[in-house]
Amino acid sequence: MRQAHPDLLKGILIAAGVLLIFFSVIILGMGIWEGFSSVRENVHLVTIPGIHEINFKSAGQYVGLYQHQGRGPVPIKFLKGMEYRLLSKDGYKEIPLSINKNADIIGKFGQEAVLLFNFVIEEAGEYSFSAFNLTEEQGFPELPVVIFGQGAQGLKQSIIIGALFFVLFLVLGIVVLIQAKKVGGTGKTG
């Protein structure tokens, strides 16, 4: 009868250790999922010139950025001549955009980009974004512009937090399994 107690304790410790390790994997997966969900919900790709319907999933600050694809020079004159408008679909209220009229080129790691505008959305919802070039400069194809919100920056934070809790619960699970092995080793003498 005395040997049943260490075997029962060993079984409980093994189950707890395995559950902690399983839980650590679930937490890591949730952190990665949450990070990529925040990016997916807060990044929108549009083309200029053109009109686009955008569903902003969260309120906050957004930035419009043109990343040059490396074919020829950056079309600065064309980008400087763009007129941007953002209207809420609910009431057609115009959202003020802070336009970067200088269209300075940002170069980093061999990539060139131009910060075009930024704005603040007070409430999530459907919006209409339009961009047209009012200068005489014609003949440019549609250019891709990425509009991303500050929520898109949550990717790194979510993954780091998920990884920290993954390591914590993984270590706890391993410690519990080591303790289970010790309990099993002491209960087998007799």
Protein backbone atom coordinates (compact mmCIF):
# COMPACT_ATOMS: atom_id res chain seq x y z
CA MET A 1 0.00 0.00 0.00
CA ARG A 2 2.87 2.40 0.66
CA GLN A 3 4.13 2.18 -2.93
CA ALA A 4 0.79 3.37 -4.39
CA HIS A 5 1.27 6.81 -2.88
CA PRO A 6 4.60 7.60 -4.68
CA ASP A 7 3.23 6.15 -7.93
CA LEU A 8 0.11 8.31 -7.65
CA LEU A 9 2.24 11.39 -6.92
CA LYS A 10 4.53 10.53 -9.85
CA GLY A 11 1.50 10.24 -12.17
CA ILE A 12 0.11 13.57 -11.01
CA LEU A 13 3.49 15.28 -11.47
CA ILE A 14 3.93 13.79 -14.96
CA ALA A 15 0.43 14.93 -15.96
CA ALA A 16 1.06 18.42 -14.54
CA GLY A 17 4.43 18.67 -16.34
CA VAL A 18 2.97 17.58 -19.67
CA LEU A 19 0.04 20.00 -19.24
CA LEU A 20 2.42 22.88 -18.49
CA ILE A 21 4.47 22.12 -21.61
CA PHE A 22 1.30 21.82 -23.70
CA PHE A 23 0.02 25.10 -22.21
CA SER A 24 3.33 26.80 -23.08
CA VAL A 25 2.93 25.81 -26.74
CA ILE A 26 -0.67 27.09 -26.74
CA ILE A 27 0.46 30.46 -25.29
CA LEU A 28 3.20 30.82 -27.89
CA GLY A 29 0.70 30.07 -30.66
CA MET A 30 -1.76 32.60 -29.25
CA GLY A 31 0.95 35.27 -29.09
CA ILE A 32 1.93 34.69 -32.71
CA TRP A 33 -1.72 34.60 -33.81
CA GLU A 34 -2.52 37.84 -31.94
CA GLY A 35 0.51 39.58 -33.42
CA PHE A 36 -0.29 38.65 -37.00
CA SER A 37 -3.99 39.46 -36.47
CA SER A 38 -3.10 42.98 -35.34
CA VAL A 39 -0.97 43.43 -38.46
CA ARG A 40 -3.66 42.00 -40.74
CA GLU A 41 -6.32 44.30 -39.29
CA ASN A 42 -4.18 47.45 -39.32
CA VAL A 43 -2.41 47.28 -42.70
CA HIS A 44 -4.16 48.26 -45.93
CA LEU A 45 -2.72 48.30 -49.45
CA VAL A 46 -4.12 50.87 -51.90
CA THR A 47 -2.97 52.23 -55.24
CA ILE A 48 -2.60 55.86 -56.20
CA PRO A 49 -4.17 57.50 -58.08
CA GLY A 50 -7.55 55.98 -57.30
CA ILE A 51 -10.50 55.64 -54.95
CA HIS A 52 -10.65 52.87 -52.34
CA GLU A 53 -13.06 51.74 -49.65
CA ILE A 54 -11.15 50.91 -46.45
CA ASN A 55 -12.52 49.29 -43.30
CA PHE A 56 -10.41 50.52 -40.40
CA LYS A 57 -10.85 47.94 -37.62
CA SER A 58 -9.54 50.19 -34.88
CA ALA A 59 -9.27 53.86 -34.03
CA GLY A 60 -5.85 55.49 -33.77
CA GLN A 61 -3.05 56.99 -35.78
CA TYR A 62 -2.33 55.79 -39.34
CA VAL A 63 0.49 56.49 -41.80
CA GLY A 64 0.59 56.28 -45.60
CA LEU A 65 3.91 55.11 -47.05
CA TYR A 66 5.11 54.54 -50.60
CA GLN A 67 7.92 51.98 -50.83
CA HIS A 68 9.83 52.28 -54.07
CA GLN A 69 10.22 49.01 -55.92
CA GLY A 70 13.61 49.97 -57.38
CA ARG A 71 12.62 50.43 -61.03
CA GLY A 72 14.03 53.82 -61.98
CA PRO A 73 14.12 56.90 -59.78
CA VAL A 74 11.54 57.57 -57.08
CA PRO A 75 8.71 59.60 -58.72
CA ILE A 76 9.03 62.53 -56.30
CA LYS A 77 7.41 65.11 -58.61
CA PHE A 78 4.39 62.84 -59.11
CA LEU A 79 4.10 62.11 -55.37
CA LYS A 80 4.36 65.83 -54.50
CA GLY A 81 1.45 66.58 -56.83
CA MET A 82 -0.94 64.13 -55.18
CA GLU A 83 -4.10 65.29 -53.41
CA TYR A 84 -5.42 62.90 -50.75
CA ARG A 85 -8.86 62.80 -49.12
CA LEU A 86 -10.36 60.54 -46.51
CA LEU A 87 -14.11 60.55 -45.82
CA SER A 88 -16.04 58.55 -43.26
CA LYS A 89 -18.84 56.51 -44.84
CA ASP A 90 -20.96 57.33 -41.80
CA GLY A 91 -21.94 60.95 -42.37
CA TYR A 92 -19.23 61.63 -45.00
CA LYS A 93 -17.15 63.60 -42.54
CA GLU A 94 -13.73 64.54 -43.92
CA ILE A 95 -10.80 63.28 -41.86
CA PRO A 96 -7.89 65.78 -41.78
CA LEU A 97 -4.71 64.40 -43.31
CA SER A 98 -1.28 65.76 -42.49
CA ILE A 99 0.42 65.70 -45.89
CA ASN A 100 4.20 65.50 -46.29
CA LYS A 101 4.56 68.04 -49.11
CA ASN A 102 8.37 67.66 -49.15
CA ALA A 103 8.09 63.97 -50.09
CA ASP A 104 11.55 63.29 -48.68
CA ILE A 105 13.05 59.91 -49.52
CA ILE A 106 13.83 57.68 -46.58
CA GLY A 107 16.59 55.22 -47.36
CA LYS A 108 17.40 52.26 -45.14
CA PHE A 109 18.98 48.87 -45.88
CA GLY A 110 19.00 49.58 -49.61
CA GLN A 111 15.24 50.32 -49.68
CA GLU A 112 13.73 53.68 -50.52
CA ALA A 113 10.41 54.90 -49.19
CA VAL A 114 8.45 58.14 -48.99
CA LEU A 115 6.22 59.06 -46.06
CA LEU A 116 3.17 60.56 -47.77
CA PHE A 117 0.67 61.41 -45.04
CA ASN A 118 -0.64 60.57 -41.59
CA PHE A 119 -4.01 60.93 -39.90
CA VAL A 120 -6.00 59.97 -36.82
CA ILE A 121 -9.19 57.91 -36.94
CA GLU A 122 -11.50 58.71 -34.01
CA GLU A 123 -13.65 55.60 -34.46
CA ALA A 124 -13.37 52.38 -36.42
CA GLY A 125 -15.50 51.87 -39.50
CA GLU A 126 -15.81 52.25 -43.26
CA TYR A 127 -13.95 55.09 -44.97
CA SER A 128 -13.42 56.25 -48.54
CA PHE A 129 -9.83 57.12 -49.47
CA SER A 130 -9.04 58.97 -52.70
CA ALA A 131 -5.79 60.14 -54.24
CA PHE A 132 -5.39 62.09 -57.47
CA ASN A 133 -2.55 63.95 -59.12
CA LEU A 134 -3.68 67.45 -60.03
CA THR A 135 -0.43 68.51 -61.74
CA GLU A 136 0.39 68.21 -65.39
CA GLU A 137 2.58 65.21 -64.60
CA GLN A 138 0.93 62.28 -66.38
CA GLY A 139 1.97 58.87 -67.57
CA PHE A 140 2.79 57.25 -64.23
CA PRO A 141 1.31 53.85 -63.54
CA GLU A 142 -0.61 53.20 -60.36
CA LEU A 143 1.73 53.18 -57.37
CA PRO A 144 1.19 50.95 -54.32
CA VAL A 145 0.79 52.72 -50.98
CA VAL A 146 0.66 50.98 -47.61
CA ILE A 147 -1.59 52.54 -44.98
CA PHE A 148 -0.83 51.10 -41.57
CA GLY A 149 -1.99 51.87 -38.07
CA GLN A 150 -0.11 51.92 -34.84
CA GLY A 151 -1.83 48.64 -33.95
CA ALA A 152 0.32 46.98 -36.61
CA GLN A 153 3.30 47.56 -34.34
CA GLY A 154 1.84 45.06 -31.85
CA LEU A 155 3.38 42.14 -33.75
CA LYS A 156 6.72 42.33 -31.98
CA GLN A 157 5.17 42.89 -28.55
CA SER A 158 2.72 39.99 -28.91
CA ILE A 159 5.42 37.59 -30.07
CA ILE A 160 7.84 38.66 -27.31
CA ILE A 161 5.21 38.29 -24.58
CA GLY A 162 4.10 34.94 -26.01
CA ALA A 163 7.72 33.74 -26.16
CA LEU A 164 8.41 34.82 -22.56
CA PHE A 165 5.38 32.96 -21.22
CA PHE A 166 6.26 29.99 -23.45
CA VAL A 167 9.71 29.78 -21.86
CA LEU A 168 8.28 30.25 -18.35
CA PHE A 169 5.71 27.46 -18.64
CA LEU A 170 8.11 25.20 -20.56
CA VAL A 171 10.70 25.50 -17.78
CA LEU A 172 8.02 24.89 -15.13
CA GLY A 173 6.86 21.80 -17.00
CA ILE A 174 10.41 20.44 -17.27
CA VAL A 175 11.07 21.10 -13.56
CA VAL A 176 7.86 19.25 -12.64
CA LEU A 177 8.83 16.30 -14.88
CA ILE A 178 12.28 16.17 -13.25
CA GLN A 179 10.59 16.12 -9.83
CA ALA A 180 8.34 13.29 -11.06
CA LYS A 181 11.42 11.28 -12.05
CA LYS A 182 12.93 11.84 -8.58
CA VAL A 183 9.69 10.75 -6.86
CA GLY A 184 9.60 7.68 -9.07
CA GLY A 185 13.21 6.86 -8.29
CA THR A 186 12.70 7.01 -4.51
CA GLY A 187 9.45 5.02 -4.57
CA LYS A 188 10.99 1.99 -6.33
CA THR A 189 13.33 1.00 -3.47
CA GLY A 190 12.19 -1.82 -1.35
